[in-house]
Amino acid sequence: MISDNIKKLKIIITLLSVHLFFGCGYNTLVSSDEDTKSAWAEVENQYQRRSDLIPNLVNVVKGYAKHEKETLEAVIAARAKATSVTLDASQLGNAAAFNNFQAAQSGLGQALSRLMVVVEKYPDLKANSNFRDLQAQLEGTENRLTVARKRYIDSVNNYNKTVRRFPGNLTARMFNFSVKETFRIEEKAKEVPRVEF
C-alpha cells in the first residue's frame, strides 16, 4: 500500500514537473526573442535601403548644386559613418553599442535634412524628374524606417515585459534572456524646428 502511494506520488511529481517545465514561459521567451530579432532585421533592411539611395540622390544634386560642396560632403561622410557602425541582433542588449548605432543613423538623417534645405534653393533641381523620383523614394524610405522602428519598439516592449514579469523572469534568468535596448528620442529632436524665410 505504501509503495503504491509512493508510485502515485512519483507520477504526480513527474506530471507536475513536466507541466511546470512546459508552462514556465521558455517557449514564449524564445518566440518573443525571435520576434525582436526579426523586427530588428527589418530596421536594418530599411537603413540599408536608405544608404543605397543616398549616392544616387547626391549625384543628381551634384549636377545642379556644384557650389554646395560642403553639404554634399557632409551627407557622404554621414553615410560612411552610418554604414561603418553596425549592430547585429546579438548586441541588442548592449546599451552603448545600441546608442552608438542610433547616433550614427541620426547623424545621417540630420545631414539628409540639410540636403533637402539646400535643394529648396534650386527650382530647376526640384523640377527634374530624376530628382523627384529619388526624393519620393527617400521620403518613402524614411516613412518605412519610422514604421520599422515602431514595430521594433513594440516587439522589444513585449519581449522585455515577458523577461521582467513573474514567473517568466525566473525562466529568463535561468536561460540568460535579458532586457533589450530600444530607440530613444534624442534631445535635438525635442527642439521645435525653426523655419526661416
C-alpha atoms as a PDB file:
ATOM      1  CA  MET A   1       0.000   0.000   0.000  1.00  0.00           C
ATOM      2  CA  ILE A   2       2.766   2.432   0.897  1.00  0.00           C
ATOM      3  CA  SER A   3       4.680   1.515  -2.276  1.00  0.00           C
ATOM      4  CA  ASP A   4       1.518   2.213  -4.323  1.00  0.00           C
ATOM      5  CA  ASN A   5       1.235   5.645  -2.711  1.00  0.00           C
ATOM      6  CA  ILE A   6       4.912   6.315  -3.411  1.00  0.00           C
ATOM      7  CA  LYS A   7       4.395   5.344  -7.066  1.00  0.00           C
ATOM      8  CA  LYS A   8       1.359   7.627  -7.294  1.00  0.00           C
ATOM      9  CA  LEU A   9       3.318  10.435  -5.653  1.00  0.00           C
ATOM     10  CA  LYS A  10       6.196   9.940  -8.116  1.00  0.00           C
ATOM     11  CA  ILE A  11       3.765  10.065 -11.026  1.00  0.00           C
ATOM     12  CA  ILE A  12       2.158  13.230  -9.669  1.00  0.00           C
ATOM     13  CA  ILE A  13       5.572  14.870  -9.123  1.00  0.00           C
ATOM     14  CA  THR A  14       6.659  13.860 -12.643  1.00  0.00           C
ATOM     15  CA  LEU A  15       3.478  15.274 -14.164  1.00  0.00           C
ATOM     16  CA  LEU A  16       3.828  18.485 -12.171  1.00  0.00           C
ATOM     17  CA  SER A  17       7.477  18.804 -13.214  1.00  0.00           C
ATOM     18  CA  VAL A  18       6.590  18.327 -16.878  1.00  0.00           C
ATOM     19  CA  HIS A  19       3.749  20.817 -16.558  1.00  0.00           C
ATOM     20  CA  LEU A  20       5.976  23.373 -14.817  1.00  0.00           C
ATOM     21  CA  PHE A  21       8.736  22.925 -17.408  1.00  0.00           C
ATOM     22  CA  PHE A  22       6.443  23.429 -20.379  1.00  0.00           C
ATOM     23  CA  GLY A  23       4.437  26.120 -18.620  1.00  0.00           C
ATOM     24  CA  CYS A  24       7.479  28.075 -17.464  1.00  0.00           C
ATOM     25  CA  GLY A  25       7.402  30.516 -20.339  1.00  0.00           C
ATOM     26  CA  TYR A  26      10.557  29.347 -22.107  1.00  0.00           C
ATOM     27  CA  ASN A  27       8.793  28.962 -25.451  1.00  0.00           C
ATOM     28  CA  THR A  28       7.203  32.380 -25.032  1.00  0.00           C
ATOM     29  CA  LEU A  29      10.622  33.895 -24.352  1.00  0.00           C
ATOM     30  CA  VAL A  30      12.129  32.206 -27.406  1.00  0.00           C
ATOM     31  CA  SER A  31       9.255  33.342 -29.643  1.00  0.00           C
ATOM     32  CA  SER A  32       9.425  36.880 -28.313  1.00  0.00           C
ATOM     33  CA  ASP A  33      13.212  36.977 -28.724  1.00  0.00           C
ATOM     34  CA  GLU A  34      12.893  35.829 -32.338  1.00  0.00           C
ATOM     35  CA  ASP A  35      10.210  38.468 -32.954  1.00  0.00           C
ATOM     36  CA  THR A  36      12.601  41.194 -31.776  1.00  0.00           C
ATOM     37  CA  LYS A  37      15.374  39.840 -33.994  1.00  0.00           C
ATOM     38  CA  SER A  38      13.025  39.810 -36.963  1.00  0.00           C
ATOM     39  CA  ALA A  39      11.848  43.352 -36.247  1.00  0.00           C
ATOM     40  CA  TRP A  40      15.468  44.478 -35.931  1.00  0.00           C
ATOM     41  CA  ALA A  41      16.317  42.853 -39.274  1.00  0.00           C
ATOM     42  CA  GLU A  42      13.592  44.966 -40.881  1.00  0.00           C
ATOM     43  CA  VAL A  43      15.032  48.120 -39.292  1.00  0.00           C
ATOM     44  CA  GLU A  44      18.458  47.204 -40.708  1.00  0.00           C
ATOM     45  CA  ASN A  45      16.859  46.487 -44.086  1.00  0.00           C
ATOM     46  CA  GLN A  46      15.332  49.957 -44.220  1.00  0.00           C
ATOM     47  CA  TYR A  47      18.583  51.620 -43.126  1.00  0.00           C
ATOM     48  CA  GLN A  48      20.355  49.736 -45.915  1.00  0.00           C
ATOM     49  CA  ARG A  49      17.725  50.877 -48.421  1.00  0.00           C
ATOM     50  CA  ARG A  50      18.300  54.471 -47.350  1.00  0.00           C
ATOM     51  CA  SER A  51      22.053  54.036 -47.589  1.00  0.00           C
ATOM     52  CA  ASP A  52      21.741  52.607 -51.100  1.00  0.00           C
ATOM     53  CA  LEU A  53      19.619  55.540 -52.300  1.00  0.00           C
ATOM     54  CA  ILE A  54      21.846  58.288 -50.959  1.00  0.00           C
ATOM     55  CA  PRO A  55      24.655  58.066 -53.568  1.00  0.00           C
ATOM     56  CA  ASN A  56      22.075  58.416 -56.347  1.00  0.00           C
ATOM     57  CA  LEU A  57      20.468  61.402 -54.651  1.00  0.00           C
ATOM     58  CA  VAL A  58      23.820  63.052 -54.045  1.00  0.00           C
ATOM     59  CA  ASN A  59      24.882  62.550 -57.685  1.00  0.00           C
ATOM     60  CA  VAL A  60      21.693  64.146 -59.006  1.00  0.00           C
ATOM     61  CA  VAL A  61      22.057  67.091 -56.641  1.00  0.00           C
ATOM     62  CA  LYS A  62      25.769  67.469 -57.529  1.00  0.00           C
ATOM     63  CA  GLY A  63      24.858  68.150 -61.113  1.00  0.00           C
ATOM     64  CA  TYR A  64      22.685  71.099 -60.109  1.00  0.00           C
ATOM     65  CA  ALA A  65      24.323  72.397 -56.958  1.00  0.00           C
ATOM     66  CA  LYS A  66      28.057  72.205 -57.586  1.00  0.00           C
ATOM     67  CA  HIS A  67      28.828  75.028 -55.155  1.00  0.00           C
ATOM     68  CA  GLU A  68      27.013  73.286 -52.253  1.00  0.00           C
ATOM     69  CA  LYS A  69      30.005  71.010 -51.838  1.00  0.00           C
ATOM     70  CA  GLU A  70      30.090  71.243 -48.024  1.00  0.00           C
ATOM     71  CA  THR A  71      26.529  69.953 -47.594  1.00  0.00           C
ATOM     72  CA  LEU A  72      27.072  67.141 -50.073  1.00  0.00           C
ATOM     73  CA  GLU A  73      30.308  66.120 -48.375  1.00  0.00           C
ATOM     74  CA  ALA A  74      28.536  66.111 -45.004  1.00  0.00           C
ATOM     75  CA  VAL A  75      25.913  63.716 -46.381  1.00  0.00           C
ATOM     76  CA  ILE A  76      28.581  61.460 -47.851  1.00  0.00           C
ATOM     77  CA  ALA A  77      30.562  61.472 -44.579  1.00  0.00           C
ATOM     78  CA  ALA A  78      27.435  60.779 -42.520  1.00  0.00           C
ATOM     79  CA  ARG A  79      26.507  57.894 -44.812  1.00  0.00           C
ATOM     80  CA  ALA A  80      30.020  56.446 -44.488  1.00  0.00           C
ATOM     81  CA  LYS A  81      29.841  56.697 -40.694  1.00  0.00           C
ATOM     82  CA  ALA A  82      26.331  55.210 -40.555  1.00  0.00           C
ATOM     83  CA  THR A  83      27.329  52.238 -42.704  1.00  0.00           C
ATOM     84  CA  SER A  84      30.501  51.623 -40.680  1.00  0.00           C
ATOM     85  CA  VAL A  85      28.604  51.361 -37.388  1.00  0.00           C
ATOM     86  CA  THR A  86      26.755  48.063 -37.345  1.00  0.00           C
ATOM     87  CA  LEU A  87      24.622  46.405 -34.733  1.00  0.00           C
ATOM     88  CA  ASP A  88      23.510  42.832 -35.093  1.00  0.00           C
ATOM     89  CA  ALA A  89      20.665  41.189 -33.219  1.00  0.00           C
ATOM     90  CA  SER A  90      23.012  39.652 -30.644  1.00  0.00           C
ATOM     91  CA  GLN A  91      24.025  43.161 -29.468  1.00  0.00           C
ATOM     92  CA  LEU A  92      20.510  44.475 -28.835  1.00  0.00           C
ATOM     93  CA  GLY A  93      21.056  44.238 -25.079  1.00  0.00           C
ATOM     94  CA  ASN A  94      24.259  46.323 -25.234  1.00  0.00           C
ATOM     95  CA  ALA A  95      23.211  49.903 -24.451  1.00  0.00           C
ATOM     96  CA  ALA A  96      26.496  51.509 -25.562  1.00  0.00           C
ATOM     97  CA  ALA A  97      26.553  49.731 -28.937  1.00  0.00           C
ATOM     98  CA  PHE A  98      22.869  50.483 -29.481  1.00  0.00           C
ATOM     99  CA  ASN A  99      23.301  54.186 -28.654  1.00  0.00           C
ATOM    100  CA  ASN A 100      26.357  54.409 -30.938  1.00  0.00           C
ATOM    101  CA  PHE A 101      24.361  52.887 -33.801  1.00  0.00           C
ATOM    102  CA  GLN A 102      21.402  55.168 -33.173  1.00  0.00           C
ATOM    103  CA  ALA A 103      23.656  58.256 -33.069  1.00  0.00           C
ATOM    104  CA  ALA A 104      25.260  57.367 -36.416  1.00  0.00           C
ATOM    105  CA  GLN A 105      21.871  56.871 -38.062  1.00  0.00           C
ATOM    106  CA  SER A 106      20.572  60.093 -36.531  1.00  0.00           C
ATOM    107  CA  GLY A 107      23.583  61.969 -37.919  1.00  0.00           C
ATOM    108  CA  LEU A 108      22.762  60.687 -41.379  1.00  0.00           C
ATOM    109  CA  GLY A 109      19.136  61.764 -41.015  1.00  0.00           C
ATOM    110  CA  GLN A 110      20.231  65.261 -39.986  1.00  0.00           C
ATOM    111  CA  ALA A 111      22.621  65.518 -42.961  1.00  0.00           C
ATOM    112  CA  LEU A 112      19.804  64.475 -45.295  1.00  0.00           C
ATOM    113  CA  SER A 113      17.559  67.146 -43.789  1.00  0.00           C
ATOM    114  CA  ARG A 114      20.216  69.787 -44.502  1.00  0.00           C
ATOM    115  CA  LEU A 115      20.497  68.473 -48.057  1.00  0.00           C
ATOM    116  CA  MET A 116      16.750  68.884 -48.544  1.00  0.00           C
ATOM    117  CA  VAL A 117      17.018  72.501 -47.373  1.00  0.00           C
ATOM    118  CA  VAL A 118      19.734  73.075 -49.984  1.00  0.00           C
ATOM    119  CA  VAL A 119      17.507  71.519 -52.624  1.00  0.00           C
ATOM    120  CA  GLU A 120      14.810  74.081 -51.873  1.00  0.00           C
ATOM    121  CA  LYS A 121      17.181  76.729 -53.226  1.00  0.00           C
ATOM    122  CA  TYR A 122      17.252  75.140 -56.692  1.00  0.00           C
ATOM    123  CA  PRO A 123      13.894  75.251 -58.509  1.00  0.00           C
ATOM    124  CA  ASP A 124      15.426  73.554 -61.577  1.00  0.00           C
ATOM    125  CA  LEU A 125      16.522  70.630 -59.440  1.00  0.00           C
ATOM    126  CA  LYS A 126      13.083  70.254 -57.867  1.00  0.00           C
ATOM    127  CA  ALA A 127      11.578  70.164 -61.359  1.00  0.00           C
ATOM    128  CA  ASN A 128      13.947  67.403 -62.508  1.00  0.00           C
ATOM    129  CA  SER A 129      12.024  64.118 -62.737  1.00  0.00           C
ATOM    130  CA  ASN A 130      15.047  62.043 -61.646  1.00  0.00           C
ATOM    131  CA  PHE A 131      15.394  64.110 -58.522  1.00  0.00           C
ATOM    132  CA  ARG A 132      11.680  64.000 -57.770  1.00  0.00           C
ATOM    133  CA  ASP A 133      11.727  60.215 -58.122  1.00  0.00           C
ATOM    134  CA  LEU A 134      14.731  59.893 -55.822  1.00  0.00           C
ATOM    135  CA  GLN A 135      13.231  62.319 -53.329  1.00  0.00           C
ATOM    136  CA  ALA A 136       9.989  60.315 -53.295  1.00  0.00           C
ATOM    137  CA  GLN A 137      11.999  57.123 -52.763  1.00  0.00           C
ATOM    138  CA  LEU A 138      13.940  58.716 -49.925  1.00  0.00           C
ATOM    139  CA  GLU A 139      10.792  60.069 -48.280  1.00  0.00           C
ATOM    140  CA  GLY A 140       9.184  56.633 -48.631  1.00  0.00           C
ATOM    141  CA  THR A 141      12.262  55.066 -47.084  1.00  0.00           C
ATOM    142  CA  GLU A 142      12.148  57.457 -44.129  1.00  0.00           C
ATOM    143  CA  ASN A 143       8.493  56.516 -43.620  1.00  0.00           C
ATOM    144  CA  ARG A 144       9.367  52.823 -43.823  1.00  0.00           C
ATOM    145  CA  LEU A 145      12.117  53.398 -41.258  1.00  0.00           C
ATOM    146  CA  THR A 146       9.624  55.017 -38.928  1.00  0.00           C
ATOM    147  CA  VAL A 147       7.272  52.049 -39.274  1.00  0.00           C
ATOM    148  CA  ALA A 148      10.100  49.514 -38.856  1.00  0.00           C
ATOM    149  CA  ARG A 149      11.399  51.280 -35.741  1.00  0.00           C
ATOM    150  CA  LYS A 150       7.857  51.373 -34.292  1.00  0.00           C
ATOM    151  CA  ARG A 151       7.473  47.638 -34.892  1.00  0.00           C
ATOM    152  CA  TYR A 152      10.832  47.011 -33.279  1.00  0.00           C
ATOM    153  CA  ILE A 153       9.908  49.167 -30.276  1.00  0.00           C
ATOM    154  CA  ASP A 154       6.633  47.244 -29.874  1.00  0.00           C
ATOM    155  CA  SER A 155       8.425  43.916 -30.213  1.00  0.00           C
ATOM    156  CA  VAL A 156      11.071  44.876 -27.639  1.00  0.00           C
ATOM    157  CA  ASN A 157       8.356  46.152 -25.328  1.00  0.00           C
ATOM    158  CA  ASN A 158       6.559  42.785 -25.436  1.00  0.00           C
ATOM    159  CA  TYR A 159       9.824  40.870 -25.045  1.00  0.00           C
ATOM    160  CA  ASN A 160      11.011  42.991 -22.112  1.00  0.00           C
ATOM    161  CA  LYS A 161       7.654  42.558 -20.344  1.00  0.00           C
ATOM    162  CA  THR A 162       7.977  38.785 -20.750  1.00  0.00           C
ATOM    163  CA  VAL A 163      11.534  38.842 -19.391  1.00  0.00           C
ATOM    164  CA  ARG A 164      10.657  41.009 -16.407  1.00  0.00           C
ATOM    165  CA  ARG A 165       7.261  39.570 -15.323  1.00  0.00           C
ATOM    166  CA  PHE A 166       6.902  36.753 -12.842  1.00  0.00           C
ATOM    167  CA  PRO A 167       7.273  33.780 -13.382  1.00  0.00           C
ATOM    168  CA  GLY A 168       8.888  34.435 -16.773  1.00  0.00           C
ATOM    169  CA  ASN A 169      11.675  36.374 -15.069  1.00  0.00           C
ATOM    170  CA  LEU A 170      12.784  33.183 -13.327  1.00  0.00           C
ATOM    171  CA  THR A 171      12.944  31.324 -16.618  1.00  0.00           C
ATOM    172  CA  ALA A 172      14.641  34.286 -18.289  1.00  0.00           C
ATOM    173  CA  ARG A 173      17.316  34.343 -15.610  1.00  0.00           C
ATOM    174  CA  MET A 174      17.783  30.581 -15.819  1.00  0.00           C
ATOM    175  CA  PHE A 175      18.284  30.663 -19.625  1.00  0.00           C
ATOM    176  CA  ASN A 176      20.155  34.015 -19.839  1.00  0.00           C
ATOM    177  CA  PHE A 177      17.445  36.084 -21.521  1.00  0.00           C
ATOM    178  CA  SER A 178      17.997  39.760 -20.748  1.00  0.00           C
ATOM    179  CA  VAL A 179      16.246  43.058 -21.413  1.00  0.00           C
ATOM    180  CA  LYS A 180      16.904  44.560 -24.867  1.00  0.00           C
ATOM    181  CA  GLU A 181      17.564  48.179 -25.812  1.00  0.00           C
ATOM    182  CA  THR A 182      15.101  50.245 -27.792  1.00  0.00           C
ATOM    183  CA  PHE A 183      15.133  53.579 -29.612  1.00  0.00           C
ATOM    184  CA  ARG A 184      15.042  56.720 -27.549  1.00  0.00           C
ATOM    185  CA  ILE A 185      14.361  60.228 -28.774  1.00  0.00           C
ATOM    186  CA  GLU A 186      17.410  62.445 -28.936  1.00  0.00           C
ATOM    187  CA  GLU A 187      17.478  65.834 -27.227  1.00  0.00           C
ATOM    188  CA  LYS A 188      17.826  67.598 -30.595  1.00  0.00           C
ATOM    189  CA  ALA A 189      14.592  66.025 -31.786  1.00  0.00           C
ATOM    190  CA  LYS A 190      12.703  67.600 -28.875  1.00  0.00           C
ATOM    191  CA  GLU A 191      13.511  71.105 -30.106  1.00  0.00           C
ATOM    192  CA  VAL A 192      10.882  72.919 -32.145  1.00  0.00           C
ATOM    193  CA  PRO A 193      12.191  73.298 -35.703  1.00  0.00           C
ATOM    194  CA  ARG A 194      12.807  76.875 -36.828  1.00  0.00           C
ATOM    195  CA  VAL A 195      11.587  77.816 -40.271  1.00  0.00           C
ATOM    196  CA  GLU A 196      13.119  80.969 -41.696  1.00  0.00           C
ATOM    197  CA  PHE A 197      12.315  82.663 -44.991  1.00  0.00           C
END
